[in-house]
Amino acid sequence: MKKLLLVSLTLQLALVGCTVDNSVDNPVKDLSTQEAFDEYKSSYISYQLAEANFFEPEASFRQSSLYRMCQAMPKGADLHVHCDALLPIVELIKFVSDHPNELVVCCVAGKDFGMLRYIGDGTPCPEGYKTMADALKSGCTQDDFVRAWTIKGTGTQRAWDWFEGIFDKNINLTSSVSLLEDYYTRAFNFYLDQGVVHMELRPLFFGDHAAALERGRAFYRAMNTARKKNPEFSVRLIGCGLKAKTDAYDKTQYNEMLIDNAVYVSLNLKDTVAGLKDFLVGLDLVNEEDLSVRLTDFKELLANARKQNPNLHLTLHSGESLKSDNVEISSALSLGAERIGHGFNLYKYPDVLAQVKQKGIALEVCPISNHYLGYADDLTQHPAKDYIRQGVSVVLCDDDPAYLEGNPYVDDVFAAVVAWNLSLDELEQLFRLSITKSFLTEDLKQQHLASFEKRWAAFRAQKWQ
């Protein structure tokens, strides 16, 4: 598959006027931002993207001038990112290392390697488990954990099966409120360093109301800590239910609890710094789409939740499918979705595409996730490049970056620029849309937009070597 992608990407970039350069970037000094972007993109060694393992922390493409520019440019919001899947592997290893009294990791070769266990409640350390520091001293390597905790370890398994297994391995990652707060403080600061100034996270609130609210408050404290670095930074939560797999568990048992807890948090947790704004602002339903029940099965559940809090927005995972009979985007629209998570297969339904465009409904597009989970073997053929040029509202997102890429969000920006031959103006519009299509209140959107315009103007005014 990678060889085919290599050839296809090289041909694609050649067709749009990009050249394949077998040397390192050699930009002319004192280029304007526009000139530098065009030069870096055209001189970038195009086949590197085809060969790129985005989950490799030290991947060589991250040293290219184009990648460094993508990293440096101001960005808007990341509107689609799942909880506990944010910190890149290097940072995740450090996080686990820094909590030896709460987290231990399985070091026994096999399917459980990398499984985390929580011992902060006095639970004895299980046999075969060690602190991360001891695991690394005893011969486990960073690459071992890259394989255990990213899509790299898939092997002969179906990608989705391995991917969901990573979540199982890390289910105890933020078991305690203190772990959660520290994890997200680190994650938010990391995203700030990448130029992201607003995030909309998708947590699952298990337990009772009190536990859900306590965890919600930990997210809020982490956001406020990150605001010390940048007072403009903001976070909002989108409470999730599970589109239960038909053969796995009773959807009613789990989703009534998850959605009820989300509604409770939405009503009882406010962003006081922003003037008593809602902190949990929306709902979503998640799971592998092709093995889940239809969205319409949750019509009553969602309607009841929004009766309790009419301010709740709705964004729904839909169209993340290659099945010929998948009509979930249409179902999402019928349920009142204001944004669509992924929307990959929208191209199959011209009437629905026209409706999405006419209503200004944004697609939360996650290119690297779509690639590694098997929806877009060739990123140059990802339908989002056409959606953008057809005037559909598209925002770039990173989905579950910790398990799919080495540098969250920036990798998706870079992949989109190279694979879709995005212009600097198109990229600017994608960042701007990520703010306007967020679930922030209008006054906060305007604040973020004003800040973005200033930061982007300063970025445009730079000279590049």
Protein backbone atom coordinates (compact mmCIF):
# COMPACT_ATOMS: atom_id res chain seq x y z
CA MET A 1 0.00 0.00 0.00
CA LYS A 2 2.81 2.44 0.88
CA LYS A 3 4.53 1.82 -2.46
CA LEU A 4 1.32 2.60 -4.32
CA LEU A 5 0.85 5.71 -2.21
CA LEU A 6 4.42 6.74 -2.93
CA VAL A 7 3.91 6.57 -6.68
CA SER A 8 0.49 8.19 -6.58
CA LEU A 9 1.59 11.09 -4.41
CA THR A 10 4.66 11.78 -6.52
CA LEU A 11 2.55 11.80 -9.68
CA GLN A 12 -0.12 13.94 -8.07
CA LEU A 13 2.36 16.61 -7.02
CA ALA A 14 4.01 16.52 -10.41
CA LEU A 15 0.64 17.14 -12.06
CA VAL A 16 0.01 20.21 -9.93
CA GLY A 17 3.41 21.66 -10.62
CA CYS A 18 5.41 20.43 -7.63
CA THR A 19 8.84 19.01 -8.29
CA VAL A 20 10.60 16.09 -6.70
CA ASP A 21 13.89 17.25 -5.24
CA ASN A 22 16.35 14.65 -3.97
CA SER A 23 18.30 17.22 -1.99
CA VAL A 24 17.51 19.12 1.18
CA ASP A 25 15.50 22.36 1.06
CA ASN A 26 17.56 25.26 -0.30
CA PRO A 27 15.34 28.33 -0.01
CA VAL A 28 16.53 31.76 -1.09
CA LYS A 29 17.20 34.15 1.78
CA ASP A 30 14.73 36.87 2.76
CA LEU A 31 11.70 35.34 1.12
CA SER A 32 8.26 36.68 1.94
CA THR A 33 5.95 34.23 3.68
CA GLN A 34 4.04 33.63 0.45
CA GLU A 35 7.24 33.09 -1.54
CA ALA A 36 8.70 30.84 1.14
CA PHE A 37 5.55 28.72 1.39
CA ASP A 38 5.44 28.21 -2.37
CA GLU A 39 9.18 27.52 -2.56
CA TYR A 40 9.21 25.10 0.35
CA LYS A 41 6.20 23.24 -0.97
CA SER A 42 7.59 22.90 -4.49
CA SER A 43 11.04 21.84 -3.32
CA TYR A 44 9.77 19.42 -0.69
CA ILE A 45 10.78 15.84 -1.42
CA SER A 46 7.28 14.66 -2.25
CA TYR A 47 7.87 10.98 -1.82
CA GLN A 48 8.66 11.49 1.85
CA LEU A 49 4.97 11.89 2.65
CA ALA A 50 4.18 8.60 0.98
CA GLU A 51 6.84 6.91 3.06
CA ALA A 52 6.08 8.89 6.20
CA ASN A 53 5.26 7.03 9.36
CA PHE A 54 3.48 9.85 11.13
CA PHE A 55 3.62 7.98 14.42
CA GLU A 56 7.45 7.99 14.36
CA PRO A 57 8.60 10.79 16.71
CA GLU A 58 11.87 11.35 14.81
CA ALA A 59 10.51 11.11 11.26
CA SER A 60 12.79 12.94 8.82
CA PHE A 61 10.03 14.91 7.08
CA ARG A 62 9.66 16.97 10.25
CA GLN A 63 13.04 18.54 9.48
CA SER A 64 11.88 19.98 6.14
CA SER A 65 11.42 23.73 5.77
CA LEU A 66 7.80 23.20 4.78
CA TYR A 67 7.06 21.24 7.95
CA ARG A 68 8.77 23.83 10.13
CA MET A 69 6.66 26.54 8.51
CA CYS A 70 3.48 24.53 9.10
CA GLN A 71 4.51 24.21 12.72
CA ALA A 72 5.25 27.91 13.11
CA MET A 73 2.14 29.33 11.48
CA PRO A 74 -0.74 30.62 13.65
CA LYS A 75 -3.71 28.30 13.77
CA GLY A 76 -7.27 28.44 14.97
CA ALA A 77 -9.16 25.64 16.68
CA ASP A 78 -8.98 21.86 16.84
CA LEU A 79 -12.66 20.90 16.92
CA HIS A 80 -12.40 17.11 16.87
CA VAL A 81 -10.04 15.40 19.28
CA HIS A 82 -10.81 12.47 21.57
CA CYS A 83 -9.89 12.44 25.21
CA ASP A 84 -6.79 10.69 26.51
CA ALA A 85 -5.41 10.52 22.95
CA LEU A 86 -3.66 13.89 22.72
CA LEU A 87 -0.10 13.72 24.03
CA PRO A 88 2.44 12.41 21.50
CA ILE A 89 4.27 9.23 22.47
CA VAL A 90 7.44 10.89 23.75
CA GLU A 91 5.37 13.12 26.03
CA LEU A 92 3.11 10.22 27.02
CA ILE A 93 6.09 8.14 28.14
CA LYS A 94 7.30 11.08 30.21
CA PHE A 95 3.83 11.54 31.73
CA VAL A 96 3.66 7.89 32.82
CA SER A 97 7.26 8.10 34.11
CA ASP A 98 6.33 11.10 36.25
CA HIS A 99 3.58 9.16 38.06
CA PRO A 100 5.30 6.03 39.42
CA ASN A 101 3.00 5.85 42.44
CA GLU A 102 -0.13 5.78 40.30
CA LEU A 103 0.67 4.16 36.95
CA VAL A 104 2.54 0.98 36.07
CA VAL A 105 2.93 -0.62 32.67
CA CYS A 106 2.95 -4.23 31.49
CA CYS A 107 6.42 -5.23 30.30
CA VAL A 108 5.63 -8.82 29.32
CA ALA A 109 5.90 -9.44 25.58
CA GLY A 110 2.57 -10.20 23.97
CA LYS A 111 -0.82 -8.64 23.44
CA ASP A 112 -0.88 -6.97 26.87
CA PHE A 113 2.48 -5.24 26.48
CA GLY A 114 1.98 -1.54 27.22
CA MET A 115 -1.21 -2.06 29.25
CA LEU A 116 -1.44 0.56 32.01
CA ARG A 117 -2.72 -0.22 35.49
CA TYR A 118 -3.69 2.28 38.18
CA ILE A 119 -2.18 1.58 41.62
CA GLY A 120 -2.82 4.95 43.25
CA ASP A 121 -5.66 3.50 45.31
CA GLY A 122 -3.40 0.97 47.02
CA THR A 123 -3.86 -1.80 44.48
CA PRO A 124 -0.73 -4.02 44.47
CA CYS A 125 1.43 -3.81 41.37
CA PRO A 126 0.44 -6.80 39.20
CA GLU A 127 3.03 -9.35 38.18
CA GLY A 128 4.80 -8.35 34.99
CA TYR A 129 4.12 -4.62 35.53
CA LYS A 130 6.71 -1.96 36.32
CA THR A 131 6.97 1.77 36.63
CA MET A 132 7.86 3.36 33.32
CA ALA A 133 11.33 4.27 34.61
CA ASP A 134 12.01 0.67 35.59
CA ALA A 135 10.55 -0.60 32.32
CA LEU A 136 12.97 1.54 30.31
CA LYS A 137 15.89 0.49 32.53
CA SER A 138 15.06 -3.18 32.08
CA GLY A 139 15.30 -3.13 28.29
CA CYS A 140 11.97 -1.78 27.04
CA THR A 141 12.51 0.95 24.46
CA GLN A 142 10.65 3.98 23.22
CA ASP A 143 10.03 2.15 19.96
CA ASP A 144 8.44 -0.73 21.89
CA PHE A 145 5.87 1.72 23.22
CA VAL A 146 5.44 3.37 19.83
CA ARG A 147 4.40 -0.05 18.52
CA ALA A 148 2.20 -0.80 21.54
CA TRP A 149 0.47 2.57 21.66
CA THR A 150 0.15 3.56 18.00
CA ILE A 151 -1.20 2.19 14.77
CA LYS A 152 2.37 1.10 13.95
CA GLY A 153 1.77 -2.10 15.89
CA THR A 154 -1.23 -3.20 13.82
CA GLY A 155 0.59 -6.01 12.02
CA THR A 156 -1.87 -8.43 10.42
CA GLN A 157 -4.83 -7.27 12.50
CA ARG A 158 -7.60 -5.13 11.14
CA ALA A 159 -6.58 -1.51 11.81
CA TRP A 160 -9.72 -0.65 13.74
CA ASP A 161 -9.35 -3.67 16.03
CA TRP A 162 -5.79 -2.73 16.94
CA PHE A 163 -6.75 0.92 17.27
CA GLU A 164 -9.54 0.22 19.75
CA GLY A 165 -7.15 -2.06 21.63
CA ILE A 166 -4.87 0.93 22.23
CA PHE A 167 -7.69 2.67 24.09
CA ASP A 168 -8.15 -0.49 26.15
CA LYS A 169 -4.45 -0.46 27.05
CA ASN A 170 -4.64 3.17 28.13
CA ILE A 171 -8.05 3.09 29.79
CA ASN A 172 -6.43 3.79 33.18
CA LEU A 173 -4.31 6.68 31.92
CA THR A 174 -6.37 9.34 33.69
CA SER A 175 -8.02 7.17 36.35
CA SER A 176 -7.69 9.80 39.06
CA VAL A 177 -8.68 13.44 38.92
CA SER A 178 -5.08 14.46 39.63
CA LEU A 179 -3.83 12.37 36.68
CA LEU A 180 -6.49 13.88 34.43
CA GLU A 181 -5.61 17.43 35.41
CA ASP A 182 -1.89 16.90 34.90
CA TYR A 183 -2.38 15.09 31.58
CA TYR A 184 -4.52 17.86 30.13
CA THR A 185 -2.37 20.64 31.50
CA ARG A 186 0.50 19.11 29.54
CA ALA A 187 -1.66 18.46 26.48
CA PHE A 188 -3.07 21.99 26.37
CA ASN A 189 0.40 23.52 26.70
CA PHE A 190 1.62 21.24 23.92
CA TYR A 191 -1.17 22.37 21.60
CA LEU A 192 -0.52 26.00 22.46
CA ASP A 193 3.07 25.48 21.35
CA GLN A 194 1.70 24.27 17.98
CA GLY A 195 -0.31 27.48 17.56
CA VAL A 196 -3.75 26.07 18.46
CA VAL A 197 -5.77 28.49 20.61
CA HIS A 198 -9.10 26.69 21.03
CA MET A 199 -9.93 23.00 21.49
CA GLU A 200 -13.15 21.02 21.65
CA LEU A 201 -12.59 17.69 23.42
CA ARG A 202 -14.80 14.62 23.43
CA PRO A 203 -14.86 12.97 26.87
CA LEU A 204 -16.93 10.01 28.04
CA PHE A 205 -18.38 10.65 31.50
CA PHE A 206 -18.77 7.30 33.23
CA GLY A 207 -19.87 6.98 36.86
CA ASP A 208 -22.38 9.13 38.70
CA HIS A 209 -23.10 12.86 38.52
CA ALA A 210 -20.58 13.71 41.22
CA ALA A 211 -17.76 11.82 39.50
CA ALA A 212 -18.62 13.37 36.14
CA LEU A 213 -18.63 16.89 37.55
CA GLU A 214 -15.36 16.31 39.40
CA ARG A 215 -13.68 15.24 36.16
CA GLY A 216 -15.23 18.15 34.30
CA ARG A 217 -13.75 20.52 36.86
CA ALA A 218 -10.33 18.93 36.34
CA PHE A 219 -10.54 19.72 32.61
CA TYR A 220 -11.46 23.27 33.54
CA ARG A 221 -8.54 23.68 35.94
CA ALA A 222 -6.15 22.36 33.29
CA MET A 223 -7.48 24.93 30.82
CA ASN A 224 -6.96 27.73 33.32
CA THR A 225 -3.40 26.59 33.98
CA ALA A 226 -2.72 26.70 30.23
CA ARG A 227 -4.16 30.21 30.15
CA LYS A 228 -1.15 31.34 32.16
CA LYS A 229 0.85 30.76 28.98
CA ASN A 230 -1.76 32.38 26.74
CA PRO A 231 -4.81 34.07 28.33
CA GLU A 232 -6.72 33.72 25.06
CA PHE A 233 -6.62 29.91 25.15
CA SER A 234 -9.99 28.21 25.52
CA VAL A 235 -11.39 24.69 25.78
CA ARG A 236 -14.91 23.35 25.47
CA LEU A 237 -16.17 19.82 26.06
CA ILE A 238 -18.47 17.76 23.84
CA GLY A 239 -19.95 14.96 25.92
CA CYS A 240 -20.07 11.64 24.09
CA GLY A 241 -22.24 8.59 24.06
CA LEU A 242 -21.37 5.34 22.31
CA LYS A 243 -22.99 4.15 19.10
CA ALA A 244 -23.08 0.74 20.68
CA LYS A 245 -21.83 -2.17 18.63
CA THR A 246 -24.79 -4.44 18.12
CA ASP A 247 -23.03 -7.51 19.51
CA ALA A 248 -21.17 -5.84 22.36
CA TYR A 249 -23.48 -4.33 24.95
CA ASP A 250 -26.84 -2.78 25.62
CA LYS A 251 -26.79 0.72 24.16
CA THR A 252 -29.46 1.94 26.60
CA GLN A 253 -27.48 0.98 29.70
CA TYR A 254 -24.40 2.97 28.71
CA ASN A 255 -25.75 5.87 26.71
CA GLU A 256 -28.42 6.98 29.13
CA MET A 257 -25.68 7.28 31.76
CA LEU A 258 -23.12 8.95 29.47
CA ILE A 259 -25.52 11.48 27.98
CA ASP A 260 -27.22 12.17 31.31
CA ASN A 261 -23.82 12.84 32.90
CA ALA A 262 -22.87 15.14 30.02
CA VAL A 263 -26.09 17.13 30.43
CA TYR A 264 -25.47 17.38 34.18
CA VAL A 265 -21.95 18.73 33.61
CA SER A 266 -23.26 21.19 31.02
CA LEU A 267 -25.73 22.61 33.53
CA ASN A 268 -23.38 22.74 36.50
CA LEU A 269 -19.95 23.74 35.18
CA LYS A 270 -19.33 27.22 33.78
CA ASP A 271 -16.30 29.06 32.44
CA THR A 272 -16.29 31.84 34.99
CA VAL A 273 -13.23 33.50 33.45
CA ALA A 274 -15.18 33.96 30.21
CA GLY A 275 -18.25 35.27 32.01
CA LEU A 276 -20.25 32.19 33.07
CA LYS A 277 -20.13 30.59 29.63
CA ASP A 278 -21.05 26.93 29.30
CA PHE A 279 -17.98 24.69 29.48
CA LEU A 280 -19.62 21.54 28.09
CA VAL A 281 -21.31 22.80 24.96
CA GLY A 282 -22.33 19.84 22.82
CA LEU A 283 -23.05 16.15 22.34
CA ASP A 284 -21.73 13.46 20.01
CA LEU A 285 -21.98 9.70 19.52
CA VAL A 286 -18.85 7.69 18.74
CA ASN A 287 -17.63 4.20 17.77
CA GLU A 288 -16.60 2.47 14.57
CA GLU A 289 -19.46 3.44 12.28
CA ASP A 290 -19.69 0.32 10.14
CA LEU A 291 -20.12 -1.92 13.19
CA SER A 292 -22.50 0.35 15.11
CA VAL A 293 -26.23 0.84 15.19
CA ARG A 294 -27.76 3.71 13.22
CA LEU A 295 -27.73 7.25 14.53
CA THR A 296 -31.50 7.42 14.24
CA ASP A 297 -31.74 4.85 17.07
CA PHE A 298 -30.64 7.64 19.40
CA LYS A 299 -33.16 10.26 18.27
CA GLU A 300 -35.17 10.21 21.50
CA LEU A 301 -32.07 10.14 23.72
CA LEU A 302 -30.60 13.21 22.04
CA ALA A 303 -33.91 15.05 21.93
CA ASN A 304 -34.46 14.51 25.66
CA ALA A 305 -30.95 15.73 26.44
CA ARG A 306 -31.48 18.93 24.48
CA LYS A 307 -34.79 19.51 26.20
CA GLN A 308 -32.94 19.53 29.52
CA ASN A 309 -30.37 21.97 28.13
CA PRO A 310 -31.54 23.70 24.92
CA ASN A 311 -28.13 25.36 24.59
CA LEU A 312 -26.41 22.08 23.76
CA HIS A 313 -25.00 21.88 20.24
CA LEU A 314 -24.85 18.68 18.23
CA THR A 315 -21.97 17.31 16.19
CA LEU A 316 -22.20 13.70 15.09
CA HIS A 317 -19.65 11.21 13.80
CA SER A 318 -21.02 10.21 10.40
CA GLY A 319 -19.81 9.33 6.93
CA GLU A 320 -16.68 7.61 8.29
CA SER A 321 -17.46 4.65 6.08
CA LEU A 322 -16.83 3.03 2.71
CA LYS A 323 -20.06 1.03 2.73
CA SER A 324 -22.34 1.57 -0.24
CA ASP A 325 -25.47 1.70 1.93
CA ASN A 326 -24.14 4.11 4.57
CA VAL A 327 -26.48 7.12 4.89
CA GLU A 328 -25.38 8.36 8.31
CA ILE A 329 -24.63 11.93 7.19
CA SER A 330 -28.23 12.29 6.10
CA SER A 331 -29.33 10.82 9.43
CA ALA A 332 -27.09 13.25 11.31
CA LEU A 333 -28.67 16.18 9.49
CA SER A 334 -32.15 14.91 10.30
CA LEU A 335 -31.19 14.85 13.99
CA GLY A 336 -30.08 18.48 13.86
CA ALA A 337 -26.30 18.12 13.62
CA GLU A 338 -24.52 21.46 13.25
CA ARG A 339 -21.20 19.83 12.40
CA ILE A 340 -20.27 16.44 10.97
CA GLY A 341 -17.45 14.35 12.42
CA HIS A 342 -15.40 13.17 9.42
CA GLY A 343 -18.05 13.24 6.65
CA PHE A 344 -15.68 11.25 4.46
CA ASN A 345 -18.29 9.70 2.14
CA LEU A 346 -20.28 12.87 1.50
CA TYR A 347 -19.19 12.77 -2.15
CA LYS A 348 -21.48 9.79 -2.72
CA TYR A 349 -24.57 11.88 -2.07
CA PRO A 350 -24.73 15.08 -4.18
CA ASP A 351 -28.08 16.15 -2.73
CA VAL A 352 -26.78 15.82 0.82
CA LEU A 353 -23.56 17.61 -0.16
CA ALA A 354 -25.63 20.50 -1.52
CA GLN A 355 -27.58 20.63 1.75
CA VAL A 356 -24.40 20.61 3.84
CA LYS A 357 -22.96 23.42 1.73
CA GLN A 358 -26.14 25.49 1.74
CA LYS A 359 -26.51 25.26 5.53
CA GLY A 360 -22.83 25.95 6.17
CA ILE A 361 -22.43 22.74 8.14
CA ALA A 362 -18.75 22.08 8.79
CA LEU A 363 -16.99 18.78 8.18
CA GLU A 364 -14.43 17.94 10.86
CA VAL A 365 -11.86 16.33 8.56
CA CYS A 366 -9.10 14.19 10.07
CA PRO A 367 -6.75 13.21 7.19
CA ILE A 368 -4.18 11.07 9.00
CA SER A 369 -6.85 9.21 10.94
CA ASN A 370 -8.74 8.52 7.70
CA HIS A 371 -5.52 7.24 6.15
CA TYR A 372 -4.42 4.86 8.89
CA LEU A 373 -7.91 3.52 9.60
CA GLY A 374 -8.34 2.52 5.98
CA TYR A 375 -10.65 5.12 4.47
CA ALA A 376 -8.04 6.93 2.37
CA ASP A 377 -5.11 4.71 1.41
CA ASP A 378 -3.93 7.52 -0.87
CA LEU A 379 -4.19 10.91 0.83
CA THR A 380 -3.95 12.69 -2.51
CA GLN A 381 -7.33 11.17 -3.33
CA HIS A 382 -9.00 12.16 -0.05
CA PRO A 383 -12.35 13.77 -0.94
CA ALA A 384 -11.79 16.74 1.39
CA LYS A 385 -9.57 18.41 -1.21
CA ASP A 386 -12.62 18.58 -3.49
CA TYR A 387 -14.97 19.58 -0.68
CA ILE A 388 -12.74 22.58 0.03
CA ARG A 389 -12.76 23.72 -3.59
CA GLN A 390 -16.51 23.14 -3.89
CA GLY A 391 -17.11 25.59 -1.06
CA VAL A 392 -18.02 23.11 1.66
CA SER A 393 -16.99 24.28 5.13
CA VAL A 394 -14.03 22.09 6.11
CA VAL A 395 -12.00 22.29 9.30
CA LEU A 396 -8.79 20.34 9.85
CA CYS A 397 -8.75 18.15 12.95
CA ASP A 398 -6.59 15.35 14.33
CA ASP A 399 -9.06 12.87 15.91
CA ASP A 400 -6.88 10.57 18.10
CA PRO A 401 -3.42 11.96 17.41
CA ALA A 402 -1.51 10.23 20.21
CA TYR A 403 -2.16 6.87 18.58
CA LEU A 404 -1.80 7.98 14.96
CA GLU A 405 0.92 10.61 14.68
CA GLY A 406 4.02 11.95 16.34
CA ASN A 407 3.13 15.64 16.39
CA PRO A 408 -0.59 16.23 16.90
CA TYR A 409 -2.43 18.63 14.60
CA VAL A 410 0.68 19.92 12.81
CA ASP A 411 1.08 16.54 11.10
CA ASP A 412 -2.47 16.83 9.74
CA VAL A 413 -1.83 20.36 8.50
CA PHE A 414 1.36 19.25 6.79
CA ALA A 415 -0.27 16.19 5.23
CA ALA A 416 -3.14 18.29 3.89
CA VAL A 417 -0.80 20.91 2.43
CA VAL A 418 1.31 18.35 0.59
CA ALA A 419 -1.35 15.82 -0.43
CA TRP A 420 -4.00 18.36 -1.45
CA ASN A 421 -1.60 21.05 -2.71
CA LEU A 422 -3.27 23.65 -0.50
CA SER A 423 -2.42 27.27 -1.09
CA LEU A 424 -1.54 29.57 1.77
CA ASP A 425 -4.86 31.38 1.28
CA GLU A 426 -6.76 28.09 1.49
CA LEU A 427 -4.93 27.16 4.66
CA GLU A 428 -5.70 30.54 6.18
CA GLN A 429 -9.39 30.03 5.41
CA LEU A 430 -9.38 26.58 7.02
CA PHE A 431 -7.94 28.05 10.21
CA ARG A 432 -10.44 30.89 10.18
CA LEU A 433 -13.34 28.48 9.66
CA SER A 434 -12.20 26.42 12.63
CA ILE A 435 -13.00 29.41 14.82
CA THR A 436 -16.26 30.46 13.17
CA LYS A 437 -17.56 26.87 13.21
CA SER A 438 -16.64 26.28 16.84
CA PHE A 439 -19.31 26.03 19.52
CA LEU A 440 -18.03 29.10 21.32
CA THR A 441 -20.42 31.97 21.92
CA GLU A 442 -20.36 34.69 19.29
CA ASP A 443 -18.46 37.17 21.45
CA LEU A 444 -15.68 34.67 22.12
CA LYS A 445 -15.51 33.76 18.43
CA GLN A 446 -15.00 37.40 17.58
CA GLN A 447 -12.23 37.69 20.17
CA HIS A 448 -10.45 34.66 18.72
CA LEU A 449 -10.92 35.90 15.15
CA ALA A 450 -9.49 39.31 15.97
CA SER A 451 -6.48 37.68 17.60
CA PHE A 452 -6.04 35.30 14.67
CA GLU A 453 -6.07 38.14 12.14
CA LYS A 454 -3.31 39.91 14.06
CA ARG A 455 -1.21 36.77 14.41
CA TRP A 456 -1.71 35.84 10.77
CA ALA A 457 -0.77 39.34 9.60
CA ALA A 458 2.43 39.14 11.65
CA PHE A 459 3.14 35.70 10.20
CA ARG A 460 2.60 37.02 6.67
CA ALA A 461 4.99 39.90 7.35
CA GLN A 462 7.87 37.60 8.33
CA LYS A 463 10.94 37.04 6.22
CA TRP A 464 12.18 33.50 5.76
CA GLN A 465 15.67 32.12 5.26
